[in-house]
Amino acid sequence: MNQSSKEKRYERIYEQIKTLIVATDDPIARMGTINALLHHKFNNYYWTGFYQLTDENLIVGPYQGPIACLKLKKDTGVCWAGINKKETIIVPNVHNFPGHIACSSATNSEIVIPVRNSNQEVVAVLDVDSKEFDSFDDVDGKCLEKIVALIYS
């Protein structure tokens, strides 16, 4: 998929999510809707879900895909990198990422997007895994950041 068509697909998904989430301001319900929609709209999304920061632990939230790690070891892996750096992390090859947590051996690339609450504090991350190497780029990062901003809007 070229960059332009990918951006257009994300824009359509963004508009669809905006329409769907007005039914509730509950962040968990919004996370569930977002990951279900994303997971089924992109063929390269193998695992799609949220990890929530709870009492300084990253605990799995709503997700689509195979069974997830329920709790991620503190300050280890891509999700914690997104939490600690407070920025989107794109990993073209997870096998080269120091401390990568392999919840599934089928994952080869990953993107993690911090989720900020209404006070702009990072409270969760959107984690998307792909079986393909180098599956995510800056377009995915920019568009997913816009989508997760809807959770607490």
N, C-alpha and C. Protein backbone atom coordinates (compact mmCIF):
# COMPACT_ATOMS: atom_id res chain seq x y z
N MET A 1 0.84 -1.18 0.00
CA MET A 1 0.00 0.00 0.00
C MET A 1 0.89 1.24 0.00
N ASN A 2 0.62 2.16 -0.91
CA ASN A 2 1.44 3.37 -0.94
C ASN A 2 1.04 4.31 0.21
N GLN A 3 1.89 5.29 0.49
CA GLN A 3 1.70 6.17 1.65
C GLN A 3 0.39 6.95 1.55
N SER A 4 0.07 7.43 0.37
CA SER A 4 -1.14 8.23 0.19
C SER A 4 -2.40 7.41 0.47
N SER A 5 -2.47 6.19 -0.07
CA SER A 5 -3.65 5.37 0.17
C SER A 5 -3.71 4.91 1.63
N LYS A 6 -2.55 4.71 2.26
CA LYS A 6 -2.54 4.34 3.67
C LYS A 6 -3.09 5.49 4.52
N GLU A 7 -2.65 6.71 4.23
CA GLU A 7 -3.15 7.88 4.96
C GLU A 7 -4.65 8.04 4.77
N LYS A 8 -5.14 7.82 3.57
CA LYS A 8 -6.58 7.94 3.30
C LYS A 8 -7.36 6.87 4.06
N ARG A 9 -6.81 5.66 4.12
CA ARG A 9 -7.48 4.60 4.87
C ARG A 9 -7.55 4.96 6.35
N TYR A 10 -6.44 5.43 6.90
CA TYR A 10 -6.45 5.87 8.30
C TYR A 10 -7.45 7.00 8.53
N GLU A 11 -7.54 7.92 7.60
CA GLU A 11 -8.48 9.05 7.76
C GLU A 11 -9.92 8.54 7.79
N ARG A 12 -10.26 7.59 6.92
CA ARG A 12 -11.61 7.01 6.93
C ARG A 12 -11.87 6.30 8.25
N ILE A 13 -10.87 5.56 8.74
CA ILE A 13 -11.01 4.85 10.01
C ILE A 13 -11.17 5.84 11.16
N TYR A 14 -10.38 6.91 11.13
CA TYR A 14 -10.48 7.96 12.16
C TYR A 14 -11.91 8.52 12.22
N GLU A 15 -12.46 8.84 11.06
CA GLU A 15 -13.82 9.39 11.01
C GLU A 15 -14.85 8.37 11.51
N GLN A 16 -14.65 7.11 11.17
CA GLN A 16 -15.56 6.06 11.64
C GLN A 16 -15.47 5.92 13.16
N ILE A 17 -14.26 5.93 13.70
CA ILE A 17 -14.08 5.82 15.15
C ILE A 17 -14.73 7.01 15.85
N LYS A 18 -14.52 8.21 15.33
CA LYS A 18 -15.13 9.41 15.92
C LYS A 18 -16.64 9.26 16.04
N THR A 19 -17.25 8.73 15.01
CA THR A 19 -18.69 8.53 15.00
C THR A 19 -19.12 7.48 16.03
N LEU A 20 -18.36 6.40 16.13
CA LEU A 20 -18.72 5.30 17.02
C LEU A 20 -18.55 5.63 18.50
N ILE A 21 -17.49 6.34 18.86
CA ILE A 21 -17.18 6.50 20.28
C ILE A 21 -18.01 7.56 21.00
N VAL A 22 -18.80 8.34 20.25
CA VAL A 22 -19.63 9.35 20.93
C VAL A 22 -20.66 8.72 21.86
N ALA A 23 -20.90 7.43 21.71
CA ALA A 23 -21.88 6.74 22.54
C ALA A 23 -21.47 6.70 24.02
N THR A 24 -20.16 6.81 24.30
CA THR A 24 -19.69 6.75 25.68
C THR A 24 -18.37 7.48 25.81
N ASP A 25 -18.11 7.98 27.01
CA ASP A 25 -16.79 8.58 27.25
C ASP A 25 -15.90 7.62 28.05
N ASP A 26 -16.35 6.38 28.21
CA ASP A 26 -15.56 5.38 28.93
C ASP A 26 -14.32 5.01 28.12
N PRO A 27 -13.11 5.22 28.68
CA PRO A 27 -11.89 4.96 27.91
C PRO A 27 -11.71 3.49 27.53
N ILE A 28 -12.14 2.56 28.37
CA ILE A 28 -11.98 1.13 28.05
C ILE A 28 -12.87 0.75 26.86
N ALA A 29 -14.09 1.23 26.87
CA ALA A 29 -14.99 0.96 25.74
C ALA A 29 -14.43 1.56 24.46
N ARG A 30 -13.88 2.76 24.55
CA ARG A 30 -13.28 3.40 23.38
C ARG A 30 -12.06 2.63 22.90
N MET A 31 -11.22 2.16 23.82
CA MET A 31 -10.05 1.35 23.45
C MET A 31 -10.50 0.09 22.73
N GLY A 32 -11.52 -0.57 23.26
CA GLY A 32 -12.02 -1.80 22.65
C GLY A 32 -12.50 -1.58 21.23
N THR A 33 -13.23 -0.50 21.01
CA THR A 33 -13.73 -0.18 19.67
C THR A 33 -12.58 0.15 18.73
N ILE A 34 -11.64 0.94 19.20
CA ILE A 34 -10.50 1.33 18.37
C ILE A 34 -9.69 0.11 17.95
N ASN A 35 -9.34 -0.76 18.91
CA ASN A 35 -8.48 -1.87 18.50
C ASN A 35 -9.22 -2.89 17.64
N ALA A 36 -10.52 -3.10 17.88
CA ALA A 36 -11.27 -4.03 17.03
C ALA A 36 -11.32 -3.51 15.59
N LEU A 37 -11.58 -2.22 15.45
CA LEU A 37 -11.67 -1.65 14.11
C LEU A 37 -10.32 -1.69 13.39
N LEU A 38 -9.26 -1.24 14.07
CA LEU A 38 -7.93 -1.26 13.46
C LEU A 38 -7.51 -2.68 13.08
N HIS A 39 -7.72 -3.61 13.99
CA HIS A 39 -7.27 -4.99 13.78
C HIS A 39 -7.91 -5.61 12.53
N HIS A 40 -9.15 -5.26 12.27
CA HIS A 40 -9.85 -5.86 11.14
C HIS A 40 -9.74 -5.06 9.85
N LYS A 41 -9.17 -3.87 9.91
CA LYS A 41 -9.02 -3.04 8.71
C LYS A 41 -7.65 -3.15 8.06
N PHE A 42 -6.66 -3.68 8.81
CA PHE A 42 -5.30 -3.79 8.27
C PHE A 42 -4.84 -5.24 8.31
N ASN A 43 -4.50 -5.79 7.15
CA ASN A 43 -4.08 -7.19 7.07
C ASN A 43 -2.77 -7.47 7.81
N ASN A 44 -1.93 -6.45 7.95
CA ASN A 44 -0.63 -6.67 8.59
C ASN A 44 -0.70 -6.55 10.12
N TYR A 45 -1.85 -6.22 10.69
CA TYR A 45 -2.00 -6.15 12.15
C TYR A 45 -2.25 -7.56 12.68
N TYR A 46 -1.25 -8.14 13.31
CA TYR A 46 -1.34 -9.50 13.84
C TYR A 46 -1.92 -9.48 15.26
N TRP A 47 -1.45 -8.56 16.09
CA TRP A 47 -1.96 -8.37 17.46
C TRP A 47 -2.14 -6.88 17.66
N THR A 48 -3.31 -6.51 18.15
CA THR A 48 -3.66 -5.10 18.31
C THR A 48 -4.28 -4.92 19.68
N GLY A 49 -3.69 -4.08 20.51
CA GLY A 49 -4.31 -3.91 21.82
C GLY A 49 -3.66 -2.82 22.65
N PHE A 50 -4.20 -2.68 23.83
CA PHE A 50 -3.75 -1.65 24.76
C PHE A 50 -3.16 -2.29 26.01
N TYR A 51 -2.11 -1.67 26.51
CA TYR A 51 -1.58 -1.97 27.84
C TYR A 51 -1.78 -0.72 28.67
N GLN A 52 -2.37 -0.91 29.85
CA GLN A 52 -2.69 0.21 30.73
C GLN A 52 -1.69 0.30 31.87
N LEU A 53 -1.30 1.51 32.19
CA LEU A 53 -0.40 1.77 33.31
C LEU A 53 -1.25 1.78 34.58
N THR A 54 -1.07 0.75 35.42
CA THR A 54 -1.84 0.59 36.64
C THR A 54 -0.88 0.32 37.78
N ASP A 55 -0.83 1.22 38.76
CA ASP A 55 0.07 1.06 39.91
C ASP A 55 1.49 0.75 39.44
N GLU A 56 1.97 1.50 38.45
CA GLU A 56 3.31 1.37 37.89
C GLU A 56 3.57 0.02 37.22
N ASN A 57 2.51 -0.65 36.82
CA ASN A 57 2.61 -1.89 36.05
C ASN A 57 1.90 -1.69 34.72
N LEU A 58 2.37 -2.38 33.68
CA LEU A 58 1.66 -2.39 32.40
C LEU A 58 0.84 -3.68 32.33
N ILE A 59 -0.49 -3.50 32.38
CA ILE A 59 -1.43 -4.61 32.40
C ILE A 59 -2.23 -4.58 31.10
N VAL A 60 -2.42 -5.75 30.51
CA VAL A 60 -3.15 -5.82 29.25
C VAL A 60 -4.57 -5.30 29.42
N GLY A 61 -5.01 -4.57 28.40
CA GLY A 61 -6.38 -4.08 28.33
C GLY A 61 -7.07 -4.74 27.15
N PRO A 62 -8.03 -4.05 26.55
CA PRO A 62 -8.72 -4.62 25.39
C PRO A 62 -7.74 -4.93 24.26
N TYR A 63 -7.92 -6.11 23.64
CA TYR A 63 -7.05 -6.47 22.52
C TYR A 63 -7.73 -7.43 21.58
N GLN A 64 -7.14 -7.57 20.39
CA GLN A 64 -7.55 -8.52 19.36
C GLN A 64 -6.31 -9.30 18.94
N GLY A 65 -6.46 -10.60 18.76
CA GLY A 65 -5.34 -11.43 18.34
C GLY A 65 -5.11 -12.56 19.33
N PRO A 66 -3.97 -13.24 19.20
CA PRO A 66 -3.68 -14.36 20.11
C PRO A 66 -3.51 -13.89 21.56
N ILE A 67 -3.51 -14.85 22.46
CA ILE A 67 -3.37 -14.56 23.89
C ILE A 67 -2.17 -13.65 24.14
N ALA A 68 -2.39 -12.67 25.01
CA ALA A 68 -1.38 -11.66 25.30
C ALA A 68 -0.65 -11.95 26.60
N CYS A 69 0.50 -11.32 26.76
CA CYS A 69 1.15 -11.27 28.07
C CYS A 69 0.25 -10.40 28.94
N LEU A 70 -0.10 -10.87 30.13
CA LEU A 70 -1.02 -10.12 30.98
C LEU A 70 -0.36 -8.93 31.65
N LYS A 71 0.91 -9.09 32.00
CA LYS A 71 1.65 -8.03 32.69
C LYS A 71 3.05 -8.00 32.10
N LEU A 72 3.52 -6.80 31.75
CA LEU A 72 4.84 -6.67 31.14
C LEU A 72 5.88 -6.26 32.18
N LYS A 73 7.01 -6.94 32.16
CA LYS A 73 8.09 -6.66 33.10
C LYS A 73 8.50 -5.19 33.01
N LYS A 74 8.57 -4.54 34.17
CA LYS A 74 8.83 -3.11 34.24
C LYS A 74 10.12 -2.72 33.52
N ASP A 75 10.01 -1.63 32.76
CA ASP A 75 11.13 -1.02 32.05
C ASP A 75 11.81 -1.96 31.05
N THR A 76 11.03 -2.91 30.53
CA THR A 76 11.54 -3.87 29.54
C THR A 76 10.62 -3.87 28.33
N GLY A 77 11.19 -3.97 27.15
CA GLY A 77 10.41 -4.12 25.94
C GLY A 77 9.95 -2.82 25.31
N VAL A 78 9.26 -2.96 24.20
CA VAL A 78 8.85 -1.83 23.38
C VAL A 78 7.76 -1.01 24.07
N CYS A 79 6.80 -1.67 24.71
CA CYS A 79 5.72 -0.93 25.37
C CYS A 79 6.27 -0.03 26.48
N TRP A 80 7.18 -0.56 27.29
CA TRP A 80 7.78 0.27 28.35
C TRP A 80 8.63 1.39 27.75
N ALA A 81 9.27 1.14 26.61
CA ALA A 81 10.03 2.20 25.95
C ALA A 81 9.09 3.35 25.57
N GLY A 82 7.90 3.03 25.07
CA GLY A 82 6.92 4.05 24.73
C GLY A 82 6.44 4.82 25.94
N ILE A 83 6.25 4.10 27.06
CA ILE A 83 5.84 4.75 28.32
C ILE A 83 6.96 5.66 28.82
N ASN A 84 8.16 5.12 28.91
CA ASN A 84 9.28 5.86 29.50
C ASN A 84 9.72 7.06 28.66
N LYS A 85 9.70 6.90 27.33
CA LYS A 85 10.11 8.00 26.45
C LYS A 85 8.96 8.94 26.13
N LYS A 86 7.73 8.48 26.43
CA LYS A 86 6.53 9.27 26.15
C LYS A 86 6.42 9.64 24.66
N GLU A 87 6.80 8.69 23.82
CA GLU A 87 6.74 8.92 22.38
C GLU A 87 6.49 7.61 21.65
N THR A 88 6.08 7.76 20.39
CA THR A 88 5.83 6.60 19.54
C THR A 88 7.15 5.88 19.27
N ILE A 89 7.10 4.55 19.34
CA ILE A 89 8.27 3.72 19.08
C ILE A 89 7.93 2.80 17.90
N ILE A 90 8.74 2.85 16.86
CA ILE A 90 8.57 1.98 15.70
C ILE A 90 9.77 1.05 15.65
N VAL A 91 9.50 -0.26 15.64
CA VAL A 91 10.57 -1.25 15.64
C VAL A 91 10.43 -2.13 14.39
N PRO A 92 11.32 -1.94 13.40
CA PRO A 92 11.24 -2.71 12.16
C PRO A 92 11.51 -4.21 12.35
N ASN A 93 12.36 -4.55 13.34
CA ASN A 93 12.72 -5.94 13.62
C ASN A 93 12.82 -6.11 15.13
N VAL A 94 11.79 -6.69 15.72
CA VAL A 94 11.76 -6.81 17.19
C VAL A 94 12.89 -7.69 17.73
N HIS A 95 13.42 -8.55 16.89
CA HIS A 95 14.49 -9.46 17.34
C HIS A 95 15.79 -8.69 17.61
N ASN A 96 15.87 -7.46 17.11
CA ASN A 96 17.04 -6.62 17.34
C ASN A 96 16.81 -5.57 18.43
N PHE A 97 15.62 -5.60 19.06
CA PHE A 97 15.30 -4.60 20.09
C PHE A 97 15.73 -5.14 21.45
N PRO A 98 16.64 -4.45 22.13
CA PRO A 98 17.12 -4.92 23.44
C PRO A 98 15.97 -5.08 24.44
N GLY A 99 15.86 -6.25 25.03
CA GLY A 99 14.84 -6.51 26.04
C GLY A 99 13.45 -6.75 25.48
N HIS A 100 13.35 -7.00 24.18
CA HIS A 100 12.03 -7.25 23.59
C HIS A 100 11.33 -8.39 24.33
N ILE A 101 10.05 -8.19 24.64
CA ILE A 101 9.24 -9.22 25.29
C ILE A 101 8.46 -9.94 24.20
N ALA A 102 8.74 -11.21 24.02
CA ALA A 102 8.10 -11.98 22.95
C ALA A 102 6.86 -12.69 23.49
N CYS A 103 5.72 -12.00 23.47
CA CYS A 103 4.47 -12.65 23.85
C CYS A 103 4.08 -13.67 22.79
N SER A 104 4.49 -13.42 21.55
CA SER A 104 4.27 -14.35 20.45
C SER A 104 5.53 -14.43 19.60
N SER A 105 5.97 -15.62 19.31
CA SER A 105 7.17 -15.79 18.49
C SER A 105 6.91 -15.42 17.03
N ALA A 106 5.64 -15.22 16.66
CA ALA A 106 5.29 -14.87 15.27
C ALA A 106 5.51 -13.38 14.98
N THR A 107 5.66 -12.57 16.01
CA THR A 107 5.82 -11.13 15.82
C THR A 107 7.22 -10.80 15.31
N ASN A 108 7.28 -9.95 14.27
CA ASN A 108 8.57 -9.52 13.72
C ASN A 108 8.77 -8.01 13.73
N SER A 109 7.68 -7.24 13.73
CA SER A 109 7.81 -5.79 13.86
C SER A 109 6.68 -5.27 14.74
N GLU A 110 6.86 -4.04 15.24
CA GLU A 110 5.93 -3.53 16.25
C GLU A 110 5.92 -2.00 16.24
N ILE A 111 4.77 -1.46 16.61
CA ILE A 111 4.65 -0.02 16.85
C ILE A 111 3.90 0.18 18.16
N VAL A 112 4.36 1.14 18.95
CA VAL A 112 3.74 1.45 20.23
C VAL A 112 3.45 2.94 20.28
N ILE A 113 2.21 3.28 20.61
CA ILE A 113 1.75 4.67 20.66
C ILE A 113 1.30 5.00 22.08
N PRO A 114 1.92 5.98 22.74
CA PRO A 114 1.45 6.37 24.07
C PRO A 114 0.03 6.96 24.02
N VAL A 115 -0.76 6.65 25.04
CA VAL A 115 -2.11 7.18 25.19
C VAL A 115 -2.07 8.16 26.36
N ARG A 116 -2.51 9.39 26.09
CA ARG A 116 -2.51 10.43 27.13
C ARG A 116 -3.93 10.74 27.57
N ASN A 117 -4.09 10.93 28.89
CA ASN A 117 -5.40 11.31 29.41
C ASN A 117 -5.63 12.81 29.20
N SER A 118 -6.71 13.33 29.76
CA SER A 118 -7.04 14.74 29.55
C SER A 118 -6.03 15.70 30.19
N ASN A 119 -5.20 15.20 31.11
CA ASN A 119 -4.12 16.00 31.71
C ASN A 119 -2.80 15.82 30.98
N GLN A 120 -2.83 15.12 29.84
CA GLN A 120 -1.66 14.85 29.02
C GLN A 120 -0.65 13.91 29.69
N GLU A 121 -1.11 13.14 30.67
CA GLU A 121 -0.26 12.12 31.32
C GLU A 121 -0.39 10.83 30.52
N VAL A 122 0.72 10.13 30.32
CA VAL A 122 0.68 8.84 29.63
C VAL A 122 0.09 7.80 30.58
N VAL A 123 -1.03 7.20 30.17
CA VAL A 123 -1.74 6.26 31.03
C VAL A 123 -1.84 4.86 30.41
N ALA A 124 -1.44 4.73 29.15
CA ALA A 124 -1.55 3.46 28.44
C ALA A 124 -0.73 3.56 27.15
N VAL A 125 -0.65 2.45 26.45
CA VAL A 125 -0.08 2.44 25.11
C VAL A 125 -0.95 1.57 24.21
N LEU A 126 -1.01 1.97 22.94
CA LEU A 126 -1.55 1.11 21.90
C LEU A 126 -0.35 0.34 21.35
N ASP A 127 -0.46 -0.96 21.32
CA ASP A 127 0.61 -1.84 20.85
C ASP A 127 0.09 -2.61 19.64
N VAL A 128 0.79 -2.51 18.52
CA VAL A 128 0.40 -3.27 17.32
C VAL A 128 1.61 -4.08 16.87
N ASP A 129 1.39 -5.37 16.71
CA ASP A 129 2.43 -6.29 16.24
C ASP A 129 2.09 -6.77 14.84
N SER A 130 3.12 -7.07 14.07
CA SER A 130 2.95 -7.62 12.72
C SER A 130 3.87 -8.83 12.56
N LYS A 131 3.42 -9.78 11.76
CA LYS A 131 4.26 -10.93 11.41
C LYS A 131 5.32 -10.53 10.40
N GLU A 132 5.10 -9.42 9.70
CA GLU A 132 6.03 -8.94 8.68
C GLU A 132 7.11 -8.07 9.31
N PHE A 133 8.30 -8.11 8.75
CA PHE A 133 9.35 -7.18 9.15
C PHE A 133 9.05 -5.81 8.56
N ASP A 134 9.47 -4.75 9.25
CA ASP A 134 9.39 -3.37 8.75
C ASP A 134 7.97 -3.02 8.29
N SER A 135 7.00 -3.38 9.11
CA SER A 135 5.60 -3.22 8.74
C SER A 135 5.05 -1.82 9.01
N PHE A 136 5.72 -1.05 9.87
CA PHE A 136 5.19 0.24 10.30
C PHE A 136 6.16 1.36 9.97
N ASP A 137 5.59 2.55 9.73
CA ASP A 137 6.42 3.71 9.41
C ASP A 137 5.84 4.96 10.05
N ASP A 138 6.37 6.12 9.67
CA ASP A 138 5.93 7.38 10.27
C ASP A 138 4.47 7.69 9.96
N VAL A 139 3.97 7.23 8.84
CA VAL A 139 2.55 7.45 8.52
C VAL A 139 1.69 6.72 9.54
N ASP A 140 2.03 5.46 9.83
CA ASP A 140 1.30 4.71 10.86
C ASP A 140 1.39 5.46 12.20
N GLY A 141 2.58 5.90 12.55
CA GLY A 141 2.78 6.59 13.81
C GLY A 141 1.93 7.83 13.93
N LYS A 142 1.98 8.68 12.92
CA LYS A 142 1.23 9.95 12.94
C LYS A 142 -0.28 9.68 13.00
N CYS A 143 -0.75 8.76 12.19
CA CYS A 143 -2.18 8.48 12.13
C CYS A 143 -2.68 7.79 13.40
N LEU A 144 -1.92 6.86 13.94
CA LEU A 144 -2.34 6.19 15.16
C LEU A 144 -2.31 7.14 16.36
N GLU A 145 -1.38 8.09 16.38
CA GLU A 145 -1.36 9.10 17.44
C GLU A 145 -2.66 9.91 17.42
N LYS A 146 -3.11 10.26 16.24
CA LYS A 146 -4.36 11.01 16.10
C LYS A 146 -5.55 10.17 16.57
N ILE A 147 -5.54 8.89 16.24
CA ILE A 147 -6.63 8.00 16.63
C ILE A 147 -6.68 7.81 18.15
N VAL A 148 -5.53 7.53 18.79
CA VAL A 148 -5.57 7.28 20.24
C VAL A 148 -5.90 8.56 21.02
N ALA A 149 -5.69 9.72 20.42
CA ALA A 149 -6.06 10.97 21.09
C ALA A 149 -7.58 11.06 21.28
N LEU A 150 -8.34 10.30 20.53
CA LEU A 150 -9.79 10.28 20.68
C LEU A 150 -10.25 9.63 21.98
N ILE A 151 -9.43 8.79 22.57
CA ILE A 151 -9.86 8.02 23.74
C ILE A 151 -10.29 8.94 24.88
N TYR A 152 -9.55 9.99 25.13
CA TYR A 152 -9.86 10.89 26.23
C TYR A 152 -10.37 12.25 25.74
N SER A 153 -10.84 12.32 24.50
CA SER A 153 -11.32 13.60 23.96
C SER A 153 -12.73 13.91 24.42
